[in-house]
C-alpha atoms as a PDB file:
ATOM      1  CA  MET A   1      -9.199  -6.559  19.872  1.00  0.00           C
ATOM      2  CA  ALA A   2      -8.416  -6.402  16.160  1.00  0.00           C
ATOM      3  CA  PHE A   3      -7.609  -2.712  16.418  1.00  0.00           C
ATOM      4  CA  LEU A   4      -4.786  -3.518  18.855  1.00  0.00           C
ATOM      5  CA  HIS A   5      -2.980  -5.523  16.170  1.00  0.00           C
ATOM      6  CA  VAL A   6      -2.939  -2.512  13.874  1.00  0.00           C
ATOM      7  CA  VAL A   7      -1.640  -0.258  16.647  1.00  0.00           C
ATOM      8  CA  PHE A   8       1.013  -2.778  17.713  1.00  0.00           C
ATOM      9  CA  VAL A   9       2.318  -3.262  14.169  1.00  0.00           C
ATOM     10  CA  GLY A  10       2.275   0.524  13.715  1.00  0.00           C
ATOM     11  CA  LEU A  11       4.421   0.970  16.815  1.00  0.00           C
ATOM     12  CA  VAL A  12       6.862  -1.690  15.611  1.00  0.00           C
ATOM     13  CA  ILE A  13       7.135   0.049  12.229  1.00  0.00           C
ATOM     14  CA  ALA A  14       7.665   3.403  13.980  1.00  0.00           C
ATOM     15  CA  ALA A  15      10.447   1.876  16.099  1.00  0.00           C
ATOM     16  CA  ILE A  16      12.159   0.452  13.009  1.00  0.00           C
ATOM     17  CA  ALA A  17      11.852   3.825  11.239  1.00  0.00           C
ATOM     18  CA  ALA A  18      13.346   5.606  14.264  1.00  0.00           C
ATOM     19  CA  ALA A  19      16.216   3.110  14.405  1.00  0.00           C
ATOM     20  CA  ALA A  20      16.858   3.569  10.683  1.00  0.00           C
ATOM     21  CA  TRP A  21      16.797   7.341  11.151  1.00  0.00           C
ATOM     22  CA  PHE A  22      19.470   7.317  13.869  1.00  0.00           C
ATOM     23  CA  LEU A  23      21.584   4.431  12.516  1.00  0.00           C
ATOM     24  CA  THR A  24      21.961   5.757   8.973  1.00  0.00           C
ATOM     25  CA  PRO A  25      25.658   6.249   8.220  1.00  0.00           C
ATOM     26  CA  ARG A  26      26.833   9.810   7.668  1.00  0.00           C
ATOM     27  CA  GLY A  27      27.540  10.838   4.127  1.00  0.00           C
ATOM     28  CA  LYS A  28      26.192  12.742   1.193  1.00  0.00           C
ATOM     29  CA  ASN A  29      23.363  10.202   0.673  1.00  0.00           C
ATOM     30  CA  GLN A  30      22.179  10.213   4.299  1.00  0.00           C
ATOM     31  CA  VAL A  31      18.983  12.131   3.579  1.00  0.00           C
ATOM     32  CA  LEU A  32      18.172   9.895   0.599  1.00  0.00           C
ATOM     33  CA  ILE A  33      18.654   6.714   2.645  1.00  0.00           C
ATOM     34  CA  ARG A  34      16.574   8.042   5.554  1.00  0.00           C
ATOM     35  CA  SER A  35      13.777   9.158   3.272  1.00  0.00           C
ATOM     36  CA  SER A  36      13.773   5.901   1.316  1.00  0.00           C
ATOM     37  CA  VAL A  37      13.682   3.680   4.392  1.00  0.00           C
ATOM     38  CA  THR A  38      10.989   5.747   6.092  1.00  0.00           C
ATOM     39  CA  LEU A  39       8.831   5.957   2.969  1.00  0.00           C
ATOM     40  CA  THR A  40       9.197   2.215   2.341  1.00  0.00           C
ATOM     41  CA  LEU A  41       8.143   1.366   5.894  1.00  0.00           C
ATOM     42  CA  ILE A  42       5.160   3.718   5.748  1.00  0.00           C
ATOM     43  CA  CYS A  43       3.979   2.281   2.431  1.00  0.00           C
ATOM     44  CA  CYS A  44       4.351  -1.312   3.647  1.00  0.00           C
ATOM     45  CA  TYR A  45       2.443  -0.497   6.836  1.00  0.00           C
ATOM     46  CA  LEU A  46      -0.380   1.210   4.960  1.00  0.00           C
ATOM     47  CA  MET A  47      -0.687  -1.703   2.529  1.00  0.00           C
ATOM     48  CA  TRP A  48      -0.808  -4.191   5.399  1.00  0.00           C
ATOM     49  CA  ALA A  49      -3.262  -2.130   7.470  1.00  0.00           C
ATOM     50  CA  ILE A  50      -5.672  -1.501   4.600  1.00  0.00           C
ATOM     51  CA  THR A  51      -5.660  -5.175   3.603  1.00  0.00           C
ATOM     52  CA  TYR A  52      -6.051  -6.357   7.195  1.00  0.00           C
ATOM     53  CA  LEU A  53      -8.875  -3.963   8.023  1.00  0.00           C
ATOM     54  CA  ALA A  54     -10.675  -4.604   4.714  1.00  0.00           C
ATOM     55  CA  GLN A  55     -10.872  -8.296   5.601  1.00  0.00           C
ATOM     56  CA  LEU A  56     -12.416  -7.488   8.982  1.00  0.00           C
ATOM     57  CA  HIS A  57     -15.307  -5.511   7.490  1.00  0.00           C
ATOM     58  CA  PRO A  58     -15.817  -6.495   3.836  1.00  0.00           C
ATOM     59  CA  LEU A  59     -18.055  -4.309   1.678  1.00  0.00           C
ATOM     60  CA  ILE A  60     -19.568  -7.326  -0.071  1.00  0.00           C
ATOM     61  CA  ALA A  61     -20.386 -10.380   1.997  1.00  0.00           C
ATOM     62  CA  PRO A  62     -19.074 -13.656   0.554  1.00  0.00           C
ATOM     63  CA  ARG A  63     -21.701 -16.079  -0.775  1.00  0.00           C
ATOM     64  CA  LYS A  64     -21.570 -19.730  -1.731  1.00  0.00           C
ATOM     65  CA  SER A  65     -21.797 -20.109  -5.478  1.00  0.00           C
ATOM     66  CA  ASP A  66     -22.424 -23.858  -5.589  1.00  0.00           C
ATOM     67  CA  LEU A  67     -25.969 -23.743  -4.164  1.00  0.00           C
ATOM     68  CA  ARG A  68     -28.509 -25.600  -6.278  1.00  0.00           C
ATOM     69  CA  HIS A  69     -32.248 -25.192  -6.238  1.00  0.00           C
ATOM     70  CA  ALA A  70     -34.196 -28.345  -5.447  1.00  0.00           C
ATOM     71  CA  GLU A  71     -36.013 -29.645  -8.504  1.00  0.00           C
ATOM     72  CA  TYR A  72     -39.127 -31.699  -7.774  1.00  0.00           C
END
């Protein structure tokens, strides 16, 4: 189920990148704008996906630090 979130967000990012690709105004900076928008979206998606997936399967399990040993 969690994998579907990553795929869905990836498809949304791909749709936004495609829209930015076709809706970029013509001019001498068209390639720069397209590249910048696409690269920004890819970097944001990768940052989100890595953070999201790292929280699903952490390498180190969290532990309570306020546990006290019983003293008799």
